mmCIF file of all heavy atoms, coordinates in Angstrom:
data_MODEL
# 
_entry.id   MODEL 
# 
loop_
_atom_site.group_PDB 
_atom_site.id 
_atom_site.type_symbol 
_atom_site.label_atom_id 
_atom_site.label_alt_id 
_atom_site.label_comp_id 
_atom_site.label_asym_id 
_atom_site.label_entity_id 
_atom_site.label_seq_id 
_atom_site.pdbx_PDB_ins_code 
_atom_site.Cartn_x 
_atom_site.Cartn_y 
_atom_site.Cartn_z 
_atom_site.occupancy 
_atom_site.B_iso_or_equiv 
_atom_site.pdbx_formal_charge 
_atom_site.auth_seq_id 
_atom_site.auth_comp_id 
_atom_site.auth_asym_id 
_atom_site.auth_atom_id 
_atom_site.pdbx_PDB_model_num 
ATOM 1   N N   . HIS A 1 1  ? 25.885 -98.586  -3.399  1.00 0.00 ? 1  HIS A N   1 
ATOM 2   C CA  . HIS A 1 1  ? 25.130 -98.948  -4.601  1.00 0.00 ? 1  HIS A CA  1 
ATOM 3   C C   . HIS A 1 1  ? 24.525 -97.634  -5.157  1.00 0.00 ? 1  HIS A C   1 
ATOM 4   O O   . HIS A 1 1  ? 24.281 -96.672  -4.428  1.00 0.00 ? 1  HIS A O   1 
ATOM 5   C CB  . HIS A 1 1  ? 23.940 -99.908  -4.286  1.00 0.00 ? 1  HIS A CB  1 
ATOM 6   C CG  . HIS A 1 1  ? 24.452 -101.240 -3.775  1.00 0.00 ? 1  HIS A CG  1 
ATOM 7   N ND1 . HIS A 1 1  ? 24.799 -101.441 -2.428  1.00 0.00 ? 1  HIS A ND1 1 
ATOM 8   C CD2 . HIS A 1 1  ? 24.712 -102.395 -4.392  1.00 0.00 ? 1  HIS A CD2 1 
ATOM 9   C CE1 . HIS A 1 1  ? 25.200 -102.656 -2.262  1.00 0.00 ? 1  HIS A CE1 1 
ATOM 10  N NE2 . HIS A 1 1  ? 25.153 -103.277 -3.463  1.00 0.00 ? 1  HIS A NE2 1 
ATOM 11  N N   . VAL A 1 2  ? 24.254 -97.635  -6.441  1.00 0.00 ? 2  VAL A N   1 
ATOM 12  C CA  . VAL A 1 2  ? 23.657 -96.474  -7.116  1.00 0.00 ? 2  VAL A CA  1 
ATOM 13  C C   . VAL A 1 2  ? 22.267 -96.241  -6.471  1.00 0.00 ? 2  VAL A C   1 
ATOM 14  O O   . VAL A 1 2  ? 21.487 -97.148  -6.297  1.00 0.00 ? 2  VAL A O   1 
ATOM 15  C CB  . VAL A 1 2  ? 23.502 -96.657  -8.603  1.00 0.00 ? 2  VAL A CB  1 
ATOM 16  C CG1 . VAL A 1 2  ? 22.806 -95.423  -9.259  1.00 0.00 ? 2  VAL A CG1 1 
ATOM 17  C CG2 . VAL A 1 2  ? 24.843 -96.953  -9.253  1.00 0.00 ? 2  VAL A CG2 1 
ATOM 18  N N   . ASP A 1 3  ? 21.998 -94.958  -6.175  1.00 0.00 ? 3  ASP A N   1 
ATOM 19  C CA  . ASP A 1 3  ? 20.703 -94.539  -5.626  1.00 0.00 ? 3  ASP A CA  1 
ATOM 20  C C   . ASP A 1 3  ? 20.053 -93.594  -6.624  1.00 0.00 ? 3  ASP A C   1 
ATOM 21  O O   . ASP A 1 3  ? 20.618 -92.551  -6.900  1.00 0.00 ? 3  ASP A O   1 
ATOM 22  C CB  . ASP A 1 3  ? 20.889 -93.875  -4.246  1.00 0.00 ? 3  ASP A CB  1 
ATOM 23  C CG  . ASP A 1 3  ? 19.555 -93.484  -3.602  1.00 0.00 ? 3  ASP A CG  1 
ATOM 24  O OD1 . ASP A 1 3  ? 18.898 -92.576  -4.085  1.00 0.00 ? 3  ASP A OD1 1 
ATOM 25  O OD2 . ASP A 1 3  ? 19.226 -94.155  -2.581  1.00 0.00 ? 3  ASP A OD2 1 
ATOM 26  N N   . GLN A 1 4  ? 18.908 -93.967  -7.124  1.00 0.00 ? 4  GLN A N   1 
ATOM 27  C CA  . GLN A 1 4  ? 18.269 -93.174  -8.195  1.00 0.00 ? 4  GLN A CA  1 
ATOM 28  C C   . GLN A 1 4  ? 17.950 -91.746  -7.775  1.00 0.00 ? 4  GLN A C   1 
ATOM 29  O O   . GLN A 1 4  ? 17.850 -90.853  -8.604  1.00 0.00 ? 4  GLN A O   1 
ATOM 30  C CB  . GLN A 1 4  ? 17.013 -93.873  -8.647  1.00 0.00 ? 4  GLN A CB  1 
ATOM 31  C CG  . GLN A 1 4  ? 15.940 -94.063  -7.585  1.00 0.00 ? 4  GLN A CG  1 
ATOM 32  C CD  . GLN A 1 4  ? 14.763 -94.875  -8.152  1.00 0.00 ? 4  GLN A CD  1 
ATOM 33  O OE1 . GLN A 1 4  ? 14.599 -95.048  -9.354  1.00 0.00 ? 4  GLN A OE1 1 
ATOM 34  N NE2 . GLN A 1 4  ? 13.955 -95.404  -7.242  1.00 0.00 ? 4  GLN A NE2 1 
ATOM 35  N N   . ASN A 1 5  ? 17.778 -91.517  -6.473  1.00 0.00 ? 5  ASN A N   1 
ATOM 36  C CA  . ASN A 1 5  ? 17.465 -90.180  -6.007  1.00 0.00 ? 5  ASN A CA  1 
ATOM 37  C C   . ASN A 1 5  ? 18.729 -89.379  -5.667  1.00 0.00 ? 5  ASN A C   1 
ATOM 38  O O   . ASN A 1 5  ? 18.926 -88.222  -6.111  1.00 0.00 ? 5  ASN A O   1 
ATOM 39  C CB  . ASN A 1 5  ? 16.556 -90.205  -4.784  1.00 0.00 ? 5  ASN A CB  1 
ATOM 40  C CG  . ASN A 1 5  ? 15.217 -90.893  -5.056  1.00 0.00 ? 5  ASN A CG  1 
ATOM 41  O OD1 . ASN A 1 5  ? 14.604 -90.571  -6.095  1.00 0.00 ? 5  ASN A OD1 1 
ATOM 42  N ND2 . ASN A 1 5  ? 14.816 -91.831  -4.217  1.00 0.00 ? 5  ASN A ND2 1 
ATOM 43  N N   . ARG A 1 6  ? 19.660 -89.945  -4.910  1.00 0.00 ? 6  ARG A N   1 
ATOM 44  C CA  . ARG A 1 6  ? 20.867 -89.277  -4.530  1.00 0.00 ? 6  ARG A CA  1 
ATOM 45  C C   . ARG A 1 6  ? 21.862 -89.066  -5.658  1.00 0.00 ? 6  ARG A C   1 
ATOM 46  O O   . ARG A 1 6  ? 22.676 -88.128  -5.618  1.00 0.00 ? 6  ARG A O   1 
ATOM 47  C CB  . ARG A 1 6  ? 21.559 -90.026  -3.390  1.00 0.00 ? 6  ARG A CB  1 
ATOM 48  C CG  . ARG A 1 6  ? 20.687 -90.212  -2.154  1.00 0.00 ? 6  ARG A CG  1 
ATOM 49  C CD  . ARG A 1 6  ? 21.349 -91.138  -1.109  1.00 0.00 ? 6  ARG A CD  1 
ATOM 50  N NE  . ARG A 1 6  ? 22.584 -90.539  -0.558  1.00 0.00 ? 6  ARG A NE  1 
ATOM 51  C CZ  . ARG A 1 6  ? 23.361 -91.200  0.267   1.00 0.00 ? 6  ARG A CZ  1 
ATOM 52  N NH1 . ARG A 1 6  ? 23.148 -92.475  0.544   1.00 0.00 ? 6  ARG A NH1 1 
ATOM 53  N NH2 . ARG A 1 6  ? 24.410 -90.582  0.781   1.00 0.00 ? 6  ARG A NH2 1 
ATOM 54  N N   . ASP A 1 7  ? 21.789 -89.949  -6.680  1.00 0.00 ? 7  ASP A N   1 
ATOM 55  C CA  . ASP A 1 7  ? 22.781 -89.920  -7.714  1.00 0.00 ? 7  ASP A CA  1 
ATOM 56  C C   . ASP A 1 7  ? 22.265 -89.434  -9.045  1.00 0.00 ? 7  ASP A C   1 
ATOM 57  O O   . ASP A 1 7  ? 22.922 -89.661  -10.092 1.00 0.00 ? 7  ASP A O   1 
ATOM 58  C CB  . ASP A 1 7  ? 23.386 -91.295  -7.879  1.00 0.00 ? 7  ASP A CB  1 
ATOM 59  C CG  . ASP A 1 7  ? 24.026 -91.807  -6.585  1.00 0.00 ? 7  ASP A CG  1 
ATOM 60  O OD1 . ASP A 1 7  ? 24.615 -90.954  -5.848  1.00 0.00 ? 7  ASP A OD1 1 
ATOM 61  O OD2 . ASP A 1 7  ? 23.952 -93.030  -6.276  1.00 0.00 ? 7  ASP A OD2 1 
ATOM 62  N N   . ALA A 1 8  ? 21.123 -88.762  -9.059  1.00 0.00 ? 8  ALA A N   1 
ATOM 63  C CA  . ALA A 1 8  ? 20.617 -88.194  -10.328 1.00 0.00 ? 8  ALA A CA  1 
ATOM 64  C C   . ALA A 1 8  ? 21.591 -87.225  -10.888 1.00 0.00 ? 8  ALA A C   1 
ATOM 65  O O   . ALA A 1 8  ? 22.266 -86.462  -10.150 1.00 0.00 ? 8  ALA A O   1 
ATOM 66  C CB  . ALA A 1 8  ? 19.256 -87.606  -10.102 1.00 0.00 ? 8  ALA A CB  1 
ATOM 67  N N   . LEU A 1 9  ? 21.689 -87.083  -12.214 1.00 0.00 ? 9  LEU A N   1 
ATOM 68  C CA  . LEU A 1 9  ? 22.711 -86.262  -12.824 1.00 0.00 ? 9  LEU A CA  1 
ATOM 69  C C   . LEU A 1 9  ? 22.440 -84.756  -12.759 1.00 0.00 ? 9  LEU A C   1 
ATOM 70  O O   . LEU A 1 9  ? 23.318 -83.999  -12.409 1.00 0.00 ? 9  LEU A O   1 
ATOM 71  C CB  . LEU A 1 9  ? 22.845 -86.699  -14.328 1.00 0.00 ? 9  LEU A CB  1 
ATOM 72  C CG  . LEU A 1 9  ? 23.953 -85.955  -15.096 1.00 0.00 ? 9  LEU A CG  1 
ATOM 73  C CD1 . LEU A 1 9  ? 25.290 -86.146  -14.408 1.00 0.00 ? 9  LEU A CD1 1 
ATOM 74  C CD2 . LEU A 1 9  ? 24.009 -86.536  -16.528 1.00 0.00 ? 9  LEU A CD2 1 
ATOM 75  N N   . GLY A 1 10 ? 21.264 -84.326  -13.105 1.00 0.00 ? 10 GLY A N   1 
ATOM 76  C CA  . GLY A 1 10 ? 20.961 -82.896  -13.093 1.00 0.00 ? 10 GLY A CA  1 
ATOM 77  C C   . GLY A 1 10 ? 21.562 -82.252  -14.342 1.00 0.00 ? 10 GLY A C   1 
ATOM 78  O O   . GLY A 1 10 ? 21.900 -82.938  -15.316 1.00 0.00 ? 10 GLY A O   1 
ATOM 79  N N   . ALA A 1 11 ? 21.715 -80.930  -14.294 1.00 0.00 ? 11 ALA A N   1 
ATOM 80  C CA  . ALA A 1 11 ? 22.281 -80.225  -15.461 1.00 0.00 ? 11 ALA A CA  1 
ATOM 81  C C   . ALA A 1 11 ? 23.705 -80.652  -15.680 1.00 0.00 ? 11 ALA A C   1 
ATOM 82  O O   . ALA A 1 11 ? 24.527 -80.781  -14.766 1.00 0.00 ? 11 ALA A O   1 
ATOM 83  C CB  . ALA A 1 11 ? 22.190 -78.735  -15.205 1.00 0.00 ? 11 ALA A CB  1 
ATOM 84  N N   . PHE A 1 12 ? 24.017 -80.901  -16.963 1.00 0.00 ? 12 PHE A N   1 
ATOM 85  C CA  . PHE A 1 12 ? 25.369 -81.375  -17.278 1.00 0.00 ? 12 PHE A CA  1 
ATOM 86  C C   . PHE A 1 12 ? 25.740 -80.989  -18.688 1.00 0.00 ? 12 PHE A C   1 
ATOM 87  O O   . PHE A 1 12 ? 24.923 -81.164  -19.601 1.00 0.00 ? 12 PHE A O   1 
ATOM 88  C CB  . PHE A 1 12 ? 25.455 -82.911  -17.095 1.00 0.00 ? 12 PHE A CB  1 
ATOM 89  C CG  . PHE A 1 12 ? 26.798 -83.535  -17.462 1.00 0.00 ? 12 PHE A CG  1 
ATOM 90  C CD1 . PHE A 1 12 ? 27.813 -83.459  -16.525 1.00 0.00 ? 12 PHE A CD1 1 
ATOM 91  C CD2 . PHE A 1 12 ? 27.043 -84.025  -18.710 1.00 0.00 ? 12 PHE A CD2 1 
ATOM 92  C CE1 . PHE A 1 12 ? 29.055 -83.987  -16.834 1.00 0.00 ? 12 PHE A CE1 1 
ATOM 93  C CE2 . PHE A 1 12 ? 28.263 -84.577  -19.053 1.00 0.00 ? 12 PHE A CE2 1 
ATOM 94  C CZ  . PHE A 1 12 ? 29.265 -84.519  -18.107 1.00 0.00 ? 12 PHE A CZ  1 
ATOM 95  N N   . LYS A 1 13 ? 26.947 -80.499  -18.874 1.00 0.00 ? 13 LYS A N   1 
ATOM 96  C CA  . LYS A 1 13 ? 27.472 -80.202  -20.193 1.00 0.00 ? 13 LYS A CA  1 
ATOM 97  C C   . LYS A 1 13 ? 28.821 -80.856  -20.351 1.00 0.00 ? 13 LYS A C   1 
ATOM 98  O O   . LYS A 1 13 ? 29.742 -80.565  -19.608 1.00 0.00 ? 13 LYS A O   1 
ATOM 99  C CB  . LYS A 1 13 ? 27.566 -78.702  -20.434 1.00 0.00 ? 13 LYS A CB  1 
ATOM 100 C CG  . LYS A 1 13 ? 28.048 -78.329  -21.824 1.00 0.00 ? 13 LYS A CG  1 
ATOM 101 C CD  . LYS A 1 13 ? 28.115 -76.814  -22.019 1.00 0.00 ? 13 LYS A CD  1 
ATOM 102 C CE  . LYS A 1 13 ? 28.621 -76.493  -23.428 1.00 0.00 ? 13 LYS A CE  1 
ATOM 103 N NZ  . LYS A 1 13 ? 28.689 -75.001  -23.657 1.00 0.00 ? 13 LYS A NZ  1 
ATOM 104 N N   . ALA A 1 14 ? 28.958 -81.737  -21.294 1.00 0.00 ? 14 ALA A N   1 
ATOM 105 C CA  . ALA A 1 14 ? 30.236 -82.461  -21.510 1.00 0.00 ? 14 ALA A CA  1 
ATOM 106 C C   . ALA A 1 14 ? 31.276 -81.501  -21.976 1.00 0.00 ? 14 ALA A C   1 
ATOM 107 O O   . ALA A 1 14 ? 31.070 -80.611  -22.797 1.00 0.00 ? 14 ALA A O   1 
ATOM 108 C CB  . ALA A 1 14 ? 30.023 -83.563  -22.548 1.00 0.00 ? 14 ALA A CB  1 
ATOM 109 N N   . LYS A 1 15 ? 32.536 -81.716  -21.455 1.00 0.00 ? 15 LYS A N   1 
ATOM 110 C CA  . LYS A 1 15 ? 33.650 -80.811  -21.833 1.00 0.00 ? 15 LYS A CA  1 
ATOM 111 C C   . LYS A 1 15 ? 34.412 -81.357  -22.989 1.00 0.00 ? 15 LYS A C   1 
ATOM 112 O O   . LYS A 1 15 ? 35.314 -80.694  -23.485 1.00 0.00 ? 15 LYS A O   1 
ATOM 113 C CB  . LYS A 1 15 ? 34.527 -80.621  -20.628 1.00 0.00 ? 15 LYS A CB  1 
ATOM 114 C CG  . LYS A 1 15 ? 35.110 -81.873  -19.978 1.00 0.00 ? 15 LYS A CG  1 
ATOM 115 C CD  . LYS A 1 15 ? 35.852 -81.552  -18.727 1.00 0.00 ? 15 LYS A CD  1 
ATOM 116 C CE  . LYS A 1 15 ? 36.465 -82.824  -18.073 1.00 0.00 ? 15 LYS A CE  1 
ATOM 117 N NZ  . LYS A 1 15 ? 37.080 -82.535  -16.797 1.00 0.00 ? 15 LYS A NZ  1 
ATOM 118 N N   . ASN A 1 16 ? 34.158 -82.632  -23.398 1.00 0.00 ? 16 ASN A N   1 
ATOM 119 C CA  . ASN A 1 16 ? 34.856 -83.189  -24.567 1.00 0.00 ? 16 ASN A CA  1 
ATOM 120 C C   . ASN A 1 16 ? 34.029 -84.341  -25.074 1.00 0.00 ? 16 ASN A C   1 
ATOM 121 O O   . ASN A 1 16 ? 33.087 -84.823  -24.424 1.00 0.00 ? 16 ASN A O   1 
ATOM 122 C CB  . ASN A 1 16 ? 36.275 -83.602  -24.226 1.00 0.00 ? 16 ASN A CB  1 
ATOM 123 C CG  . ASN A 1 16 ? 36.331 -84.666  -23.138 1.00 0.00 ? 16 ASN A CG  1 
ATOM 124 O OD1 . ASN A 1 16 ? 35.899 -85.792  -23.309 1.00 0.00 ? 16 ASN A OD1 1 
ATOM 125 N ND2 . ASN A 1 16 ? 36.840 -84.263  -21.951 1.00 0.00 ? 16 ASN A ND2 1 
ATOM 126 N N   . ALA A 1 17 ? 34.381 -84.919  -26.241 1.00 0.00 ? 17 ALA A N   1 
ATOM 127 C CA  . ALA A 1 17 ? 33.653 -85.965  -26.871 1.00 0.00 ? 17 ALA A CA  1 
ATOM 128 C C   . ALA A 1 17 ? 33.665 -87.261  -26.085 1.00 0.00 ? 17 ALA A C   1 
ATOM 129 O O   . ALA A 1 17 ? 32.679 -88.026  -26.039 1.00 0.00 ? 17 ALA A O   1 
ATOM 130 C CB  . ALA A 1 17 ? 34.164 -86.252  -28.292 1.00 0.00 ? 17 ALA A CB  1 
ATOM 131 N N   . ILE A 1 18 ? 34.789 -87.561  -25.369 1.00 0.00 ? 18 ILE A N   1 
ATOM 132 C CA  . ILE A 1 18 ? 34.910 -88.803  -24.625 1.00 0.00 ? 18 ILE A CA  1 
ATOM 133 C C   . ILE A 1 18 ? 33.912 -88.725  -23.394 1.00 0.00 ? 18 ILE A C   1 
ATOM 134 O O   . ILE A 1 18 ? 33.158 -89.682  -23.143 1.00 0.00 ? 18 ILE A O   1 
ATOM 135 C CB  . ILE A 1 18 ? 36.336 -88.998  -24.105 1.00 0.00 ? 18 ILE A CB  1 
ATOM 136 C CG1 . ILE A 1 18 ? 37.271 -89.160  -25.288 1.00 0.00 ? 18 ILE A CG1 1 
ATOM 137 C CG2 . ILE A 1 18 ? 36.430 -90.200  -23.176 1.00 0.00 ? 18 ILE A CG2 1 
ATOM 138 C CD1 . ILE A 1 18 ? 38.738 -89.293  -24.898 1.00 0.00 ? 18 ILE A CD1 1 
ATOM 139 N N   . GLU A 1 19 ? 33.899 -87.591  -22.742 1.00 0.00 ? 19 GLU A N   1 
ATOM 140 C CA  . GLU A 1 19 ? 33.014 -87.385  -21.619 1.00 0.00 ? 19 GLU A CA  1 
ATOM 141 C C   . GLU A 1 19 ? 31.532 -87.448  -22.107 1.00 0.00 ? 19 GLU A C   1 
ATOM 142 O O   . GLU A 1 19 ? 30.686 -88.053  -21.444 1.00 0.00 ? 19 GLU A O   1 
ATOM 143 C CB  . GLU A 1 19 ? 33.298 -86.085  -20.907 1.00 0.00 ? 19 GLU A CB  1 
ATOM 144 C CG  . GLU A 1 19 ? 32.509 -85.876  -19.621 1.00 0.00 ? 19 GLU A CG  1 
ATOM 145 C CD  . GLU A 1 19 ? 32.941 -84.630  -18.879 1.00 0.00 ? 19 GLU A CD  1 
ATOM 146 O OE1 . GLU A 1 19 ? 32.643 -83.530  -19.307 1.00 0.00 ? 19 GLU A OE1 1 
ATOM 147 O OE2 . GLU A 1 19 ? 33.623 -84.826  -17.822 1.00 0.00 ? 19 GLU A OE2 1 
ATOM 148 N N   . GLY A 1 20 ? 31.262 -86.821  -23.249 1.00 0.00 ? 20 GLY A N   1 
ATOM 149 C CA  . GLY A 1 20 ? 29.923 -86.816  -23.743 1.00 0.00 ? 20 GLY A CA  1 
ATOM 150 C C   . GLY A 1 20 ? 29.414 -88.201  -24.072 1.00 0.00 ? 20 GLY A C   1 
ATOM 151 O O   . GLY A 1 20 ? 28.291 -88.576  -23.784 1.00 0.00 ? 20 GLY A O   1 
ATOM 152 N N   . GLY A 1 21 ? 30.310 -89.003  -24.679 1.00 0.00 ? 21 GLY A N   1 
ATOM 153 C CA  . GLY A 1 21 ? 29.933 -90.384  -24.959 1.00 0.00 ? 21 GLY A CA  1 
ATOM 154 C C   . GLY A 1 21 ? 29.663 -91.210  -23.715 1.00 0.00 ? 21 GLY A C   1 
ATOM 155 O O   . GLY A 1 21 ? 28.685 -91.964  -23.668 1.00 0.00 ? 21 GLY A O   1 
ATOM 156 N N   . ALA A 1 22 ? 30.484 -91.037  -22.739 1.00 0.00 ? 22 ALA A N   1 
ATOM 157 C CA  . ALA A 1 22 ? 30.313 -91.782  -21.501 1.00 0.00 ? 22 ALA A CA  1 
ATOM 158 C C   . ALA A 1 22 ? 29.012 -91.429  -20.832 1.00 0.00 ? 22 ALA A C   1 
ATOM 159 O O   . ALA A 1 22 ? 28.230 -92.295  -20.361 1.00 0.00 ? 22 ALA A O   1 
ATOM 160 C CB  . ALA A 1 22 ? 31.526 -91.545  -20.533 1.00 0.00 ? 22 ALA A CB  1 
ATOM 161 N N   . TYR A 1 23 ? 28.748 -90.121  -20.732 1.00 0.00 ? 23 TYR A N   1 
ATOM 162 C CA  . TYR A 1 23 ? 27.535 -89.690  -20.002 1.00 0.00 ? 23 TYR A CA  1 
ATOM 163 C C   . TYR A 1 23 ? 26.237 -89.943  -20.713 1.00 0.00 ? 23 TYR A C   1 
ATOM 164 O O   . TYR A 1 23 ? 25.192 -89.883  -20.108 1.00 0.00 ? 23 TYR A O   1 
ATOM 165 C CB  . TYR A 1 23 ? 27.720 -88.213  -19.606 1.00 0.00 ? 23 TYR A CB  1 
ATOM 166 C CG  . TYR A 1 23 ? 28.357 -88.060  -18.266 1.00 0.00 ? 23 TYR A CG  1 
ATOM 167 C CD1 . TYR A 1 23 ? 29.726 -88.095  -18.119 1.00 0.00 ? 23 TYR A CD1 1 
ATOM 168 C CD2 . TYR A 1 23 ? 27.579 -87.907  -17.102 1.00 0.00 ? 23 TYR A CD2 1 
ATOM 169 C CE1 . TYR A 1 23 ? 30.308 -87.974  -16.874 1.00 0.00 ? 23 TYR A CE1 1 
ATOM 170 C CE2 . TYR A 1 23 ? 28.178 -87.782  -15.851 1.00 0.00 ? 23 TYR A CE2 1 
ATOM 171 C CZ  . TYR A 1 23 ? 29.564 -87.793  -15.790 1.00 0.00 ? 23 TYR A CZ  1 
ATOM 172 O OH  . TYR A 1 23 ? 30.156 -87.728  -14.527 1.00 0.00 ? 23 TYR A OH  1 
ATOM 173 N N   . ARG A 1 24 ? 26.273 -90.285  -21.983 1.00 0.00 ? 24 ARG A N   1 
ATOM 174 C CA  . ARG A 1 24 ? 25.043 -90.688  -22.687 1.00 0.00 ? 24 ARG A CA  1 
ATOM 175 C C   . ARG A 1 24 ? 24.520 -91.989  -22.094 1.00 0.00 ? 24 ARG A C   1 
ATOM 176 O O   . ARG A 1 24 ? 23.341 -92.329  -22.274 1.00 0.00 ? 24 ARG A O   1 
ATOM 177 C CB  . ARG A 1 24 ? 25.273 -90.799  -24.170 1.00 0.00 ? 24 ARG A CB  1 
ATOM 178 C CG  . ARG A 1 24 ? 25.221 -89.492  -24.916 1.00 0.00 ? 24 ARG A CG  1 
ATOM 179 C CD  . ARG A 1 24 ? 25.154 -89.647  -26.421 1.00 0.00 ? 24 ARG A CD  1 
ATOM 180 N NE  . ARG A 1 24 ? 26.447 -90.033  -27.023 1.00 0.00 ? 24 ARG A NE  1 
ATOM 181 C CZ  . ARG A 1 24 ? 27.367 -89.115  -27.347 1.00 0.00 ? 24 ARG A CZ  1 
ATOM 182 N NH1 . ARG A 1 24 ? 27.139 -87.829  -27.189 1.00 0.00 ? 24 ARG A NH1 1 
ATOM 183 N NH2 . ARG A 1 24 ? 28.506 -89.543  -27.876 1.00 0.00 ? 24 ARG A NH2 1 
ATOM 184 N N   . MET A 1 25 ? 25.365 -92.715  -21.406 1.00 0.00 ? 25 MET A N   1 
ATOM 185 C CA  . MET A 1 25 ? 24.954 -93.987  -20.817 1.00 0.00 ? 25 MET A CA  1 
ATOM 186 C C   . MET A 1 25 ? 24.513 -93.859  -19.384 1.00 0.00 ? 25 MET A C   1 
ATOM 187 O O   . MET A 1 25 ? 23.924 -94.788  -18.790 1.00 0.00 ? 25 MET A O   1 
ATOM 188 C CB  . MET A 1 25 ? 26.083 -95.002  -20.885 1.00 0.00 ? 25 MET A CB  1 
ATOM 189 C CG  . MET A 1 25 ? 26.469 -95.400  -22.292 1.00 0.00 ? 25 MET A CG  1 
ATOM 190 S SD  . MET A 1 25 ? 27.812 -96.615  -22.269 1.00 0.00 ? 25 MET A SD  1 
ATOM 191 C CE  . MET A 1 25 ? 29.250 -95.616  -21.828 1.00 0.00 ? 25 MET A CE  1 
ATOM 192 N N   . TYR A 1 26 ? 24.788 -92.733  -18.732 1.00 0.00 ? 26 TYR A N   1 
ATOM 193 C CA  . TYR A 1 26 ? 24.513 -92.597  -17.273 1.00 0.00 ? 26 TYR A CA  1 
ATOM 194 C C   . TYR A 1 26 ? 23.029 -92.329  -17.017 1.00 0.00 ? 26 TYR A C   1 
ATOM 195 O O   . TYR A 1 26 ? 22.479 -91.314  -17.487 1.00 0.00 ? 26 TYR A O   1 
ATOM 196 C CB  . TYR A 1 26 ? 25.371 -91.512  -16.642 1.00 0.00 ? 26 TYR A CB  1 
ATOM 197 C CG  . TYR A 1 26 ? 25.137 -91.423  -15.145 1.00 0.00 ? 26 TYR A CG  1 
ATOM 198 C CD1 . TYR A 1 26 ? 25.723 -92.398  -14.349 1.00 0.00 ? 26 TYR A CD1 1 
ATOM 199 C CD2 . TYR A 1 26 ? 24.418 -90.413  -14.564 1.00 0.00 ? 26 TYR A CD2 1 
ATOM 200 C CE1 . TYR A 1 26 ? 25.535 -92.391  -12.944 1.00 0.00 ? 26 TYR A CE1 1 
ATOM 201 C CE2 . TYR A 1 26 ? 24.244 -90.398  -13.201 1.00 0.00 ? 26 TYR A CE2 1 
ATOM 202 C CZ  . TYR A 1 26 ? 24.826 -91.328  -12.394 1.00 0.00 ? 26 TYR A CZ  1 
ATOM 203 O OH  . TYR A 1 26 ? 24.646 -91.265  -11.021 1.00 0.00 ? 26 TYR A OH  1 
ATOM 204 N N   . ASP A 1 27 ? 22.390 -93.176  -16.291 1.00 0.00 ? 27 ASP A N   1 
ATOM 205 C CA  . ASP A 1 27 ? 21.011 -93.011  -15.946 1.00 0.00 ? 27 ASP A CA  1 
ATOM 206 C C   . ASP A 1 27 ? 20.818 -93.635  -14.525 1.00 0.00 ? 27 ASP A C   1 
ATOM 207 O O   . ASP A 1 27 ? 20.715 -94.860  -14.401 1.00 0.00 ? 27 ASP A O   1 
ATOM 208 C CB  . ASP A 1 27 ? 20.092 -93.742  -16.956 1.00 0.00 ? 27 ASP A CB  1 
ATOM 209 C CG  . ASP A 1 27 ? 18.584 -93.488  -16.694 1.00 0.00 ? 27 ASP A CG  1 
ATOM 210 O OD1 . ASP A 1 27 ? 18.189 -93.409  -15.547 1.00 0.00 ? 27 ASP A OD1 1 
ATOM 211 O OD2 . ASP A 1 27 ? 17.846 -93.396  -17.717 1.00 0.00 ? 27 ASP A OD2 1 
ATOM 212 N N   . ALA A 1 28 ? 20.758 -92.772  -13.529 1.00 0.00 ? 28 ALA A N   1 
ATOM 213 C CA  . ALA A 1 28 ? 20.729 -93.242  -12.143 1.00 0.00 ? 28 ALA A CA  1 
ATOM 214 C C   . ALA A 1 28 ? 19.498 -94.111  -11.865 1.00 0.00 ? 28 ALA A C   1 
ATOM 215 O O   . ALA A 1 28 ? 19.542 -95.029  -11.044 1.00 0.00 ? 28 ALA A O   1 
ATOM 216 C CB  . ALA A 1 28 ? 20.799 -92.097  -11.173 1.00 0.00 ? 28 ALA A CB  1 
# 
């Protein structure tokens, strides 16, 4: 299961628009 501490995103830069769109939804 998602763990808010172990699965936090940290620094991230999308490499394309598809990845950028997906990661706008990720919030551990």
